[in-house]
Amino acid sequence: MRIEINEIFCTGCALCIEFCPTKVLEPAQELNQRGVYVPTVVRLDKCTACKICELYCPNFAIAIGKDGQDG
């Protein structure tokens, strides 16, 4: 399982964090180069690959995939 977050596309809206049913993501502790708190994976083992985070992301900045498959 992998969660890819594109920091260039992410605006820090936190919709992925808010709607994740298993609370896999949290905001980063520090701002990135663009001044955004990008989500960070804190509980990868809890991810069920439901892809709700992908669906709610208005900027297509997050992708869920299984090892060996595209997200």
Protein backbone atom coordinates (compact mmCIF):
# COMPACT_ATOMS: atom_id res chain seq x y z
CA MET A 1 0.00 0.00 0.00
CA ARG A 2 1.26 3.49 -0.75
CA ILE A 3 -0.12 7.01 -0.45
CA GLU A 4 1.45 9.61 -2.71
CA ILE A 5 0.92 13.29 -1.98
CA ASN A 6 1.98 15.76 -4.65
CA GLU A 7 3.20 18.78 -2.69
CA ILE A 8 3.11 20.95 -5.81
CA PHE A 9 -0.64 20.40 -6.29
CA CYS A 10 -1.60 20.36 -2.59
CA THR A 11 -3.12 23.59 -1.27
CA GLY A 12 -3.39 22.42 2.33
CA CYS A 13 -7.20 22.39 2.35
CA ALA A 14 -7.12 19.26 4.59
CA LEU A 15 -10.21 17.68 3.03
CA CYS A 16 -8.30 14.41 2.74
CA ILE A 17 -7.55 14.54 6.46
CA GLU A 18 -11.10 15.47 7.41
CA PHE A 19 -12.85 12.76 5.39
CA CYS A 20 -10.47 9.84 5.94
CA PRO A 21 -12.59 7.29 7.84
CA THR A 22 -9.57 5.64 9.49
CA LYS A 23 -7.58 8.84 10.21
CA VAL A 24 -4.51 7.81 8.23
CA LEU A 25 -3.42 11.40 7.53
CA GLU A 26 -2.50 14.38 9.68
CA PRO A 27 -1.19 17.84 8.78
CA ALA A 28 2.58 18.17 8.63
CA GLN A 29 4.26 19.89 11.56
CA GLU A 30 6.05 22.36 9.29
CA LEU A 31 5.13 24.42 6.26
CA ASN A 32 6.49 23.25 2.92
CA GLN A 33 8.26 25.54 0.43
CA ARG A 34 4.92 26.91 -0.76
CA GLY A 35 3.75 27.78 2.76
CA VAL A 36 1.31 24.87 3.02
CA TYR A 37 0.81 22.24 5.72
CA VAL A 38 0.79 19.20 3.45
CA PRO A 39 -0.88 16.05 4.81
CA THR A 40 1.45 13.39 6.06
CA VAL A 41 0.83 9.67 6.47
CA VAL A 42 0.82 8.68 10.13
CA ARG A 43 -1.08 5.37 10.13
CA LEU A 44 -0.42 3.60 6.83
CA ASP A 45 -1.40 0.28 8.41
CA LYS A 46 -4.94 1.65 8.92
CA CYS A 47 -5.43 2.59 5.24
CA THR A 48 -8.13 0.49 3.57
CA ALA A 49 -7.52 1.96 0.08
CA CYS A 50 -11.08 3.32 0.02
CA LYS A 51 -9.73 6.32 -1.97
CA ILE A 52 -12.06 8.79 -0.28
CA CYS A 53 -9.09 11.13 0.10
CA GLU A 54 -8.56 11.01 -3.68
CA LEU A 55 -12.22 11.71 -4.36
CA TYR A 56 -12.40 14.73 -2.05
CA CYS A 57 -9.11 16.31 -3.12
CA PRO A 58 -10.07 19.23 -5.39
CA ASN A 59 -6.53 19.45 -6.78
CA PHE A 60 -5.83 15.77 -7.53
CA ALA A 61 -2.84 15.96 -5.17
CA ILE A 62 -3.23 12.53 -3.55
CA ALA A 63 -3.12 9.04 -5.00
CA ILE A 64 -3.60 5.67 -3.35
CA GLY A 65 -2.07 2.55 -4.78
CA LYS A 66 -1.10 -0.93 -3.87
CA ASP A 67 2.51 -1.94 -4.28
CA GLY A 68 3.16 -2.76 -7.91
CA GLN A 69 0.10 -0.84 -9.17
CA ASP A 70 -0.46 2.75 -10.22
CA GLY A 71 -2.51 4.88 -7.83
